Amino acid sequence: MGWTIETTRPTLSLTVTHEGCSGMTVKVFHYAISVRPGGSTRRVPLMRITITPGSATSTSVTFTNANSYVRTEVWAGGSRVAFSNPIYITRR
């Protein structure tokens, strides 16, 4: 599941919607995709952003265009309570 964005732009801006997450923490992870024989591996994130929503319902985040994917997680009380499907970024 998830979706793919193909672009030739050097950066890509996405809007992270976090309506109803006041009092929680939203974490955004940007991972490079590394393909090796026998499968792919996930590395340390290229970027990790922590959002404390407060009264805001969305936040704009800019990523470097690379073969990669973005995921979000919602945390409350030290536990992950929700996560997104990946958004794959493909450089054309």
PDB file of N, CA and C in Angstrom:
ATOM      1  N   MET A   1       0.843  -1.167   0.000  1.00  0.00           N
ATOM      2  CA  MET A   1       0.000   0.000   0.000  1.00  0.00           C
ATOM      3  C   MET A   1       0.892   1.235   0.000  1.00  0.00           C
ATOM      4  N   GLY A   2       0.299   2.376  -0.079  1.00  0.00           N
ATOM      5  CA  GLY A   2       1.049   3.607  -0.182  1.00  0.00           C
ATOM      6  C   GLY A   2       0.948   4.150  -1.587  1.00  0.00           C
ATOM      7  N   TRP A   3       1.760   5.127  -1.920  1.00  0.00           N
ATOM      8  CA  TRP A   3       1.748   5.685  -3.251  1.00  0.00           C
ATOM      9  C   TRP A   3       3.118   6.197  -3.624  1.00  0.00           C
ATOM     10  N   THR A   4       3.277   6.528  -4.903  1.00  0.00           N
ATOM     11  CA  THR A   4       4.581   6.929  -5.438  1.00  0.00           C
ATOM     12  C   THR A   4       4.483   8.309  -6.073  1.00  0.00           C
ATOM     13  N   ILE A   5       5.516   9.118  -5.844  1.00  0.00           N
ATOM     14  CA  ILE A   5       5.642  10.418  -6.482  1.00  0.00           C
ATOM     15  C   ILE A   5       6.893  10.375  -7.350  1.00  0.00           C
ATOM     16  N   GLU A   6       6.751  10.707  -8.636  1.00  0.00           N
ATOM     17  CA  GLU A   6       7.905  10.822  -9.532  1.00  0.00           C
ATOM     18  C   GLU A   6       8.094  12.284  -9.862  1.00  0.00           C
ATOM     19  N   THR A   7       9.325  12.778  -9.719  1.00  0.00           N
ATOM     20  CA  THR A   7       9.589  14.181 -10.014  1.00  0.00           C
ATOM     21  C   THR A   7      11.033  14.392 -10.427  1.00  0.00           C
ATOM     22  N   THR A   8      11.263  15.456 -11.164  1.00  0.00           N
ATOM     23  CA  THR A   8      12.623  15.836 -11.543  1.00  0.00           C
ATOM     24  C   THR A   8      13.123  16.991 -10.676  1.00  0.00           C
ATOM     25  N   ARG A   9      12.269  17.532  -9.827  1.00  0.00           N
ATOM     26  CA  ARG A   9      12.654  18.645  -8.959  1.00  0.00           C
ATOM     27  C   ARG A   9      13.698  18.193  -7.943  1.00  0.00           C
ATOM     28  N   PRO A  10      14.594  19.088  -7.516  1.00  0.00           N
ATOM     29  CA  PRO A  10      15.622  18.699  -6.547  1.00  0.00           C
ATOM     30  C   PRO A  10      15.076  18.478  -5.134  1.00  0.00           C
ATOM     31  N   THR A  11      13.918  19.109  -4.834  1.00  0.00           N
ATOM     32  CA  THR A  11      13.291  18.898  -3.531  1.00  0.00           C
ATOM     33  C   THR A  11      11.799  18.663  -3.731  1.00  0.00           C
ATOM     34  N   LEU A  12      11.164  18.133  -2.710  1.00  0.00           N
ATOM     35  CA  LEU A  12       9.744  17.823  -2.763  1.00  0.00           C
ATOM     36  C   LEU A  12       9.118  18.226  -1.438  1.00  0.00           C
ATOM     37  N   SER A  13       8.057  19.018  -1.488  1.00  0.00           N
ATOM     38  CA  SER A  13       7.357  19.423  -0.268  1.00  0.00           C
ATOM     39  C   SER A  13       6.088  18.602  -0.119  1.00  0.00           C
ATOM     40  N   LEU A  14       5.880  18.066   1.076  1.00  0.00           N
ATOM     41  CA  LEU A  14       4.676  17.307   1.399  1.00  0.00           C
ATOM     42  C   LEU A  14       4.008  17.953   2.603  1.00  0.00           C
ATOM     43  N   THR A  15       2.708  17.858   2.671  1.00  0.00           N
ATOM     44  CA  THR A  15       1.973  18.355   3.828  1.00  0.00           C
ATOM     45  C   THR A  15       1.606  17.173   4.706  1.00  0.00           C
ATOM     46  N   VAL A  16       2.030  17.227   5.961  1.00  0.00           N
ATOM     47  CA  VAL A  16       1.700  16.193   6.938  1.00  0.00           C
ATOM     48  C   VAL A  16       0.464  16.680   7.685  1.00  0.00           C
ATOM     49  N   THR A  17      -0.650  15.978   7.529  1.00  0.00           N
ATOM     50  CA  THR A  17      -1.887  16.337   8.214  1.00  0.00           C
ATOM     51  C   THR A  17      -1.948  15.580   9.533  1.00  0.00           C
ATOM     52  N   HIS A  18      -2.133  16.325  10.626  1.00  0.00           N
ATOM     53  CA  HIS A  18      -2.157  15.707  11.954  1.00  0.00           C
ATOM     54  C   HIS A  18      -3.334  16.216  12.771  1.00  0.00           C
ATOM     55  N   GLU A  19      -4.457  16.312  12.106  1.00  0.00           N
ATOM     56  CA  GLU A  19      -5.683  16.748  12.766  1.00  0.00           C
ATOM     57  C   GLU A  19      -6.076  15.727  13.843  1.00  0.00           C
ATOM     58  N   GLY A  20      -6.408  16.199  15.025  1.00  0.00           N
ATOM     59  CA  GLY A  20      -6.800  15.316  16.118  1.00  0.00           C
ATOM     60  C   GLY A  20      -5.622  14.764  16.902  1.00  0.00           C
ATOM     61  N   CYS A  21      -4.414  15.246  16.648  1.00  0.00           N
ATOM     62  CA  CYS A  21      -3.216  14.727  17.317  1.00  0.00           C
ATOM     63  C   CYS A  21      -2.682  15.684  18.388  1.00  0.00           C
ATOM     64  N   SER A  22      -3.468  16.678  18.777  1.00  0.00           N
ATOM     65  CA  SER A  22      -3.031  17.609  19.812  1.00  0.00           C
ATOM     66  C   SER A  22      -2.678  16.825  21.077  1.00  0.00           C
ATOM     67  N   GLY A  23      -1.547  17.151  21.682  1.00  0.00           N
ATOM     68  CA  GLY A  23      -1.087  16.445  22.876  1.00  0.00           C
ATOM     69  C   GLY A  23      -0.273  15.205  22.561  1.00  0.00           C
ATOM     70  N   MET A  24      -0.145  14.870  21.294  1.00  0.00           N
ATOM     71  CA  MET A  24       0.640  13.719  20.862  1.00  0.00           C
ATOM     72  C   MET A  24       1.870  14.215  20.107  1.00  0.00           C
ATOM     73  N   THR A  25       2.707  13.304  19.678  1.00  0.00           N
ATOM     74  CA  THR A  25       3.887  13.631  18.887  1.00  0.00           C
ATOM     75  C   THR A  25       3.784  12.925  17.545  1.00  0.00           C
ATOM     76  N   VAL A  26       4.052  13.651  16.467  1.00  0.00           N
ATOM     77  CA  VAL A  26       4.059  13.070  15.125  1.00  0.00           C
ATOM     78  C   VAL A  26       5.512  13.042  14.657  1.00  0.00           C
ATOM     79  N   LYS A  27       5.977  11.862  14.298  1.00  0.00           N
ATOM     80  CA  LYS A  27       7.352  11.696  13.823  1.00  0.00           C
ATOM     81  C   LYS A  27       7.314  11.395  12.328  1.00  0.00           C
ATOM     82  N   VAL A  28       8.168  12.094  11.575  1.00  0.00           N
ATOM     83  CA  VAL A  28       8.260  11.912  10.126  1.00  0.00           C
ATOM     84  C   VAL A  28       9.660  11.385   9.821  1.00  0.00           C
ATOM     85  N   PHE A  29       9.728  10.285   9.074  1.00  0.00           N
ATOM     86  CA  PHE A  29      11.003   9.655   8.733  1.00  0.00           C
ATOM     87  C   PHE A  29      11.159   9.617   7.217  1.00  0.00           C
ATOM     88  N   HIS A  30      12.352   9.968   6.731  1.00  0.00           N
ATOM     89  CA  HIS A  30      12.684   9.921   5.304  1.00  0.00           C
ATOM     90  C   HIS A  30      13.833   8.927   5.154  1.00  0.00           C
ATOM     91  N   TYR A  31      13.573   7.795   4.505  1.00  0.00           N
ATOM     92  CA  TYR A  31      14.561   6.729   4.349  1.00  0.00           C
ATOM     93  C   TYR A  31      15.010   6.594   2.904  1.00  0.00           C
ATOM     94  N   ALA A  32      16.299   6.411   2.690  1.00  0.00           N
ATOM     95  CA  ALA A  32      16.806   6.063   1.365  1.00  0.00           C
ATOM     96  C   ALA A  32      16.475   4.608   1.087  1.00  0.00           C
ATOM     97  N   ILE A  33      16.289   4.278  -0.182  1.00  0.00           N
ATOM     98  CA  ILE A  33      16.076   2.886  -0.566  1.00  0.00           C
ATOM     99  C   ILE A  33      17.385   2.365  -1.127  1.00  0.00           C
ATOM    100  N   SER A  34      17.851   1.292  -0.556  1.00  0.00           N
ATOM    101  CA  SER A  34      19.093   0.666  -0.997  1.00  0.00           C
ATOM    102  C   SER A  34      18.760  -0.753  -1.413  1.00  0.00           C
ATOM    103  N   VAL A  35      18.975  -1.038  -2.681  1.00  0.00           N
ATOM    104  CA  VAL A  35      18.663  -2.375  -3.180  1.00  0.00           C
ATOM    105  C   VAL A  35      19.952  -3.170  -3.310  1.00  0.00           C
ATOM    106  N   ARG A  36      19.941  -4.363  -2.774  1.00  0.00           N
ATOM    107  CA  ARG A  36      21.085  -5.258  -2.873  1.00  0.00           C
ATOM    108  C   ARG A  36      20.569  -6.622  -3.293  1.00  0.00           C
ATOM    109  N   PRO A  37      21.430  -7.482  -3.800  1.00  0.00           N
ATOM    110  CA  PRO A  37      20.964  -8.828  -4.179  1.00  0.00           C
ATOM    111  C   PRO A  37      20.288  -9.510  -2.996  1.00  0.00           C
ATOM    112  N   GLY A  38      19.134 -10.092  -3.247  1.00  0.00           N
ATOM    113  CA  GLY A  38      18.420 -10.794  -2.190  1.00  0.00           C
ATOM    114  C   GLY A  38      17.431  -9.913  -1.447  1.00  0.00           C
ATOM    115  N   GLY A  39      17.318  -8.651  -1.795  1.00  0.00           N
ATOM    116  CA  GLY A  39      16.333  -7.792  -1.134  1.00  0.00           C
ATOM    117  C   GLY A  39      16.844  -6.399  -0.890  1.00  0.00           C
ATOM    118  N   SER A  40      16.029  -5.598  -0.277  1.00  0.00           N
ATOM    119  CA  SER A  40      16.421  -4.229   0.023  1.00  0.00           C
ATOM    120  C   SER A  40      16.625  -4.081   1.533  1.00  0.00           C
ATOM    121  N   THR A  41      17.341  -3.051   1.919  1.00  0.00           N
ATOM    122  CA  THR A  41      17.607  -2.820   3.339  1.00  0.00           C
ATOM    123  C   THR A  41      17.189  -1.400   3.707  1.00  0.00           C
ATOM    124  N   ARG A  42      16.785  -1.235   4.950  1.00  0.00           N
ATOM    125  CA  ARG A  42      16.450   0.086   5.454  1.00  0.00           C
ATOM    126  C   ARG A  42      17.614   0.580   6.284  1.00  0.00           C
ATOM    127  N   ARG A  43      18.022   1.801   6.023  1.00  0.00           N
ATOM    128  CA  ARG A  43      19.165   2.392   6.710  1.00  0.00           C
ATOM    129  C   ARG A  43      18.690   3.410   7.736  1.00  0.00           C
ATOM    130  N   VAL A  44      19.646   4.072   8.347  1.00  0.00           N
ATOM    131  CA  VAL A  44      19.345   5.174   9.241  1.00  0.00           C
ATOM    132  C   VAL A  44      18.613   6.237   8.425  1.00  0.00           C
ATOM    133  N   PRO A  45      17.593   6.885   8.976  1.00  0.00           N
ATOM    134  CA  PRO A  45      16.843   7.874   8.186  1.00  0.00           C
ATOM    135  C   PRO A  45      17.726   8.998   7.644  1.00  0.00           C
ATOM    136  N   LEU A  46      17.422   9.442   6.422  1.00  0.00           N
ATOM    137  CA  LEU A  46      18.078  10.617   5.857  1.00  0.00           C
ATOM    138  C   LEU A  46      17.679  11.850   6.666  1.00  0.00           C
ATOM    139  N   MET A  47      16.428  11.831   7.128  1.00  0.00           N
ATOM    140  CA  MET A  47      15.909  12.936   7.910  1.00  0.00           C
ATOM    141  C   MET A  47      14.865  12.395   8.881  1.00  0.00           C
ATOM    142  N   ARG A  48      14.856  12.973  10.064  1.00  0.00           N
ATOM    143  CA  ARG A  48      13.871  12.623  11.093  1.00  0.00           C
ATOM    144  C   ARG A  48      13.348  13.935  11.659  1.00  0.00           C
ATOM    145  N   ILE A  49      12.045  14.123  11.627  1.00  0.00           N
ATOM    146  CA  ILE A  49      11.424  15.348  12.118  1.00  0.00           C
ATOM    147  C   ILE A  49      10.390  14.983  13.166  1.00  0.00           C
ATOM    148  N   THR A  50      10.372  15.728  14.251  1.00  0.00           N
ATOM    149  CA  THR A  50       9.365  15.543  15.284  1.00  0.00           C
ATOM    150  C   THR A  50       8.463  16.769  15.300  1.00  0.00           C
ATOM    151  N   ILE A  51       7.164  16.534  15.200  1.00  0.00           N
ATOM    152  CA  ILE A  51       6.172  17.606  15.192  1.00  0.00           C
ATOM    153  C   ILE A  51       5.324  17.477  16.450  1.00  0.00           C
ATOM    154  N   THR A  52       5.175  18.583  17.180  1.00  0.00           N
ATOM    155  CA  THR A  52       4.253  18.638  18.311  1.00  0.00           C
ATOM    156  C   THR A  52       3.090  19.508  17.851  1.00  0.00           C
ATOM    157  N   PRO A  53       1.987  18.894  17.422  1.00  0.00           N
ATOM    158  CA  PRO A  53       0.945  19.618  16.710  1.00  0.00           C
ATOM    159  C   PRO A  53       0.316  20.824  17.425  1.00  0.00           C
ATOM    160  N   GLY A  54       0.016  20.738  18.704  1.00  0.00           N
ATOM    161  CA  GLY A  54      -0.688  21.846  19.335  1.00  0.00           C
ATOM    162  C   GLY A  54      -2.009  22.085  18.631  1.00  0.00           C
ATOM    163  N   SER A  55      -2.298  23.338  18.257  1.00  0.00           N
ATOM    164  CA  SER A  55      -3.568  23.647  17.599  1.00  0.00           C
ATOM    165  C   SER A  55      -3.487  23.537  16.076  1.00  0.00           C
ATOM    166  N   ALA A  56      -2.286  23.383  15.522  1.00  0.00           N
ATOM    167  CA  ALA A  56      -2.136  23.251  14.063  1.00  0.00           C
ATOM    168  C   ALA A  56      -2.697  21.914  13.595  1.00  0.00           C
ATOM    169  N   THR A  57      -3.192  21.879  12.359  1.00  0.00           N
ATOM    170  CA  THR A  57      -3.716  20.624  11.815  1.00  0.00           C
ATOM    171  C   THR A  57      -2.854  20.047  10.706  1.00  0.00           C
ATOM    172  N   SER A  58      -1.825  20.816  10.265  1.00  0.00           N
ATOM    173  CA  SER A  58      -0.917  20.295   9.250  1.00  0.00           C
ATOM    174  C   SER A  58       0.412  21.040   9.309  1.00  0.00           C
ATOM    175  N   THR A  59       1.448  20.384   8.772  1.00  0.00           N
ATOM    176  CA  THR A  59       2.789  20.950   8.728  1.00  0.00           C
ATOM    177  C   THR A  59       3.389  20.615   7.370  1.00  0.00           C
ATOM    178  N   SER A  60       4.020  21.593   6.723  1.00  0.00           N
ATOM    179  CA  SER A  60       4.696  21.357   5.452  1.00  0.00           C
ATOM    180  C   SER A  60       6.135  20.927   5.729  1.00  0.00           C
ATOM    181  N   VAL A  61       6.573  19.878   5.040  1.00  0.00           N
ATOM    182  CA  VAL A  61       7.923  19.337   5.219  1.00  0.00           C
ATOM    183  C   VAL A  61       8.555  19.195   3.835  1.00  0.00           C
ATOM    184  N   THR A  62       9.829  19.601   3.696  1.00  0.00           N
ATOM    185  CA  THR A  62      10.531  19.519   2.419  1.00  0.00           C
ATOM    186  C   THR A  62      11.606  18.443   2.479  1.00  0.00           C
ATOM    187  N   PHE A  63      11.631  17.594   1.454  1.00  0.00           N
ATOM    188  CA  PHE A  63      12.560  16.481   1.378  1.00  0.00           C
ATOM    189  C   PHE A  63      13.453  16.621   0.151  1.00  0.00           C
ATOM    190  N   THR A  64      14.658  16.077   0.219  1.00  0.00           N
ATOM    191  CA  THR A  64      15.545  15.996  -0.935  1.00  0.00           C
ATOM    192  C   THR A  64      15.014  14.915  -1.861  1.00  0.00           C
ATOM    193  N   ASN A  65      15.018  15.180  -3.145  1.00  0.00           N
ATOM    194  CA  ASN A  65      14.539  14.210  -4.115  1.00  0.00           C
ATOM    195  C   ASN A  65      15.597  13.128  -4.304  1.00  0.00           C
ATOM    196  N   ALA A  66      15.279  11.942  -3.861  1.00  0.00           N
ATOM    197  CA  ALA A  66      16.147  10.774  -4.014  1.00  0.00           C
ATOM    198  C   ALA A  66      15.244   9.552  -4.041  1.00  0.00           C
ATOM    199  N   ASN A  67      15.732   8.433  -4.529  1.00  0.00           N
ATOM    200  CA  ASN A  67      14.954   7.199  -4.460  1.00  0.00           C
ATOM    201  C   ASN A  67      14.827   6.844  -2.979  1.00  0.00           C
ATOM    202  N   SER A  68      13.631   7.048  -2.463  1.00  0.00           N
ATOM    203  CA  SER A  68      13.447   6.966  -1.015  1.00  0.00           C
ATOM    204  C   SER A  68      11.970   6.817  -0.685  1.00  0.00           C
ATOM    205  N   TYR A  69      11.672   6.803   0.612  1.00  0.00           N
ATOM    206  CA  TYR A  69      10.272   6.824   1.031  1.00  0.00           C
ATOM    207  C   TYR A  69      10.137   7.578   2.342  1.00  0.00           C
ATOM    208  N   VAL A  70       8.915   8.048   2.583  1.00  0.00           N
ATOM    209  CA  VAL A  70       8.583   8.820   3.775  1.00  0.00           C
ATOM    210  C   VAL A  70       7.495   8.066   4.526  1.00  0.00           C
ATOM    211  N   ARG A  71       7.638   8.005   5.850  1.00  0.00           N
ATOM    212  CA  ARG A  71       6.617   7.412   6.717  1.00  0.00           C
ATOM    213  C   ARG A  71       6.373   8.336   7.887  1.00  0.00           C
ATOM    214  N   THR A  72       5.191   8.277   8.441  1.00  0.00           N
ATOM    215  CA  THR A  72       4.892   9.032   9.653  1.00  0.00           C
ATOM    216  C   THR A  72       4.395   8.083  10.736  1.00  0.00           C
ATOM    217  N   GLU A  73       4.637   8.481  11.985  1.00  0.00           N
ATOM    218  CA  GLU A  73       4.159   7.730  13.140  1.00  0.00           C
ATOM    219  C   GLU A  73       3.562   8.717  14.134  1.00  0.00           C
ATOM    220  N   VAL A  74       2.516   8.294  14.825  1.00  0.00           N
ATOM    221  CA  VAL A  74       1.919   9.109  15.879  1.00  0.00           C
ATOM    222  C   VAL A  74       2.206   8.414  17.204  1.00  0.00           C
ATOM    223  N   TRP A  75       2.733   9.198  18.157  1.00  0.00           N
ATOM    224  CA  TRP A  75       3.108   8.674  19.472  1.00  0.00           C
ATOM    225  C   TRP A  75       2.313   9.374  20.563  1.00  0.00           C
ATOM    226  N   ALA A  76       1.864   8.604  21.548  1.00  0.00           N
ATOM    227  CA  ALA A  76       1.162   9.147  22.713  1.00  0.00           C
ATOM    228  C   ALA A  76       1.589   8.355  23.937  1.00  0.00           C
ATOM    229  N   GLY A  77       2.019   9.064  24.973  1.00  0.00           N
ATOM    230  CA  GLY A  77       2.407   8.393  26.212  1.00  0.00           C
ATOM    231  C   GLY A  77       3.542   7.400  26.040  1.00  0.00           C
ATOM    232  N   GLY A  78       4.454   7.656  25.122  1.00  0.00           N
ATOM    233  CA  GLY A  78       5.596   6.768  24.909  1.00  0.00           C
ATOM    234  C   GLY A  78       5.317   5.556  24.039  1.00  0.00           C
ATOM    235  N   SER A  79       4.114   5.454  23.485  1.00  0.00           N
ATOM    236  CA  SER A  79       3.759   4.321  22.624  1.00  0.00           C
ATOM    237  C   SER A  79       3.350   4.806  21.243  1.00  0.00           C
ATOM    238  N   ARG A  80       3.729   4.046  20.230  1.00  0.00           N
ATOM    239  CA  ARG A  80       3.287   4.344  18.870  1.00  0.00           C
ATOM    240  C   ARG A  80       1.840   3.900  18.754  1.00  0.00           C
ATOM    241  N   VAL A  81       0.966   4.840  18.413  1.00  0.00           N
ATOM    242  CA  VAL A  81      -0.463   4.532  18.341  1.00  0.00           C
ATOM    243  C   VAL A  81      -0.996   4.489  16.911  1.00  0.00           C
ATOM    244  N   ALA A  82      -0.223   5.005  15.946  1.00  0.00           N
ATOM    245  CA  ALA A  82      -0.632   4.975  14.537  1.00  0.00           C
ATOM    246  C   ALA A  82       0.583   5.186  13.658  1.00  0.00           C
ATOM    247  N   PHE A  83       0.484   4.742  12.410  1.00  0.00           N
ATOM    248  CA  PHE A  83       1.555   4.974  11.436  1.00  0.00           C
ATOM    249  C   PHE A  83       0.949   5.006  10.042  1.00  0.00           C
ATOM    250  N   SER A  84       1.679   5.622   9.125  1.00  0.00           N
ATOM    251  CA  SER A  84       1.186   5.753   7.751  1.00  0.00           C
ATOM    252  C   SER A  84       1.755   4.666   6.851  1.00  0.00           C
ATOM    253  N   ASN A  85       1.121   4.507   5.710  1.00  0.00           N
ATOM    254  CA  ASN A  85       1.723   3.745   4.628  1.00  0.00           C
ATOM    255  C   ASN A  85       2.839   4.598   4.041  1.00  0.00           C
ATOM    256  N   PRO A  86       3.824   4.000   3.393  1.00  0.00           N
ATOM    257  CA  PRO A  86       4.925   4.789   2.837  1.00  0.00           C
ATOM    258  C   PRO A  86       4.494   5.589   1.609  1.00  0.00           C
ATOM    259  N   ILE A  87       5.166   6.707   1.437  1.00  0.00           N
ATOM    260  CA  ILE A  87       5.084   7.489   0.213  1.00  0.00           C
ATOM    261  C   ILE A  87       6.449   7.340  -0.446  1.00  0.00           C
ATOM    262  N   TYR A  88       6.494   6.689  -1.582  1.00  0.00           N
ATOM    263  CA  TYR A  88       7.753   6.471  -2.285  1.00  0.00           C
ATOM    264  C   TYR A  88       8.063   7.671  -3.169  1.00  0.00           C
ATOM    265  N   ILE A  89       9.317   8.112  -3.123  1.00  0.00           N
ATOM    266  CA  ILE A  89       9.773   9.217  -3.945  1.00  0.00           C
ATOM    267  C   ILE A  89      10.758   8.656  -4.971  1.00  0.00           C
ATOM    268  N   THR A  90      10.450   8.853  -6.240  1.00  0.00           N
ATOM    269  CA  THR A  90      11.293   8.335  -7.310  1.00  0.00           C
ATOM    270  C   THR A  90      11.822   9.503  -8.125  1.00  0.00           C
ATOM    271  N   ARG A  91      13.120   9.579  -8.245  1.00  0.00           N
ATOM    272  CA  ARG A  91      13.746  10.647  -9.039  1.00  0.00           C
ATOM    273  C   ARG A  91      13.717  10.236 -10.505  1.00  0.00           C
ATOM    274  N   ARG A  92      13.195  11.110 -11.349  1.00  0.00           N
ATOM    275  CA  ARG A  92      13.162  10.863 -12.794  1.00  0.00           C
ATOM    276  C   ARG A  92      14.362  11.456 -13.447  1.00  0.00           C
TER     277      ARG A  92
END
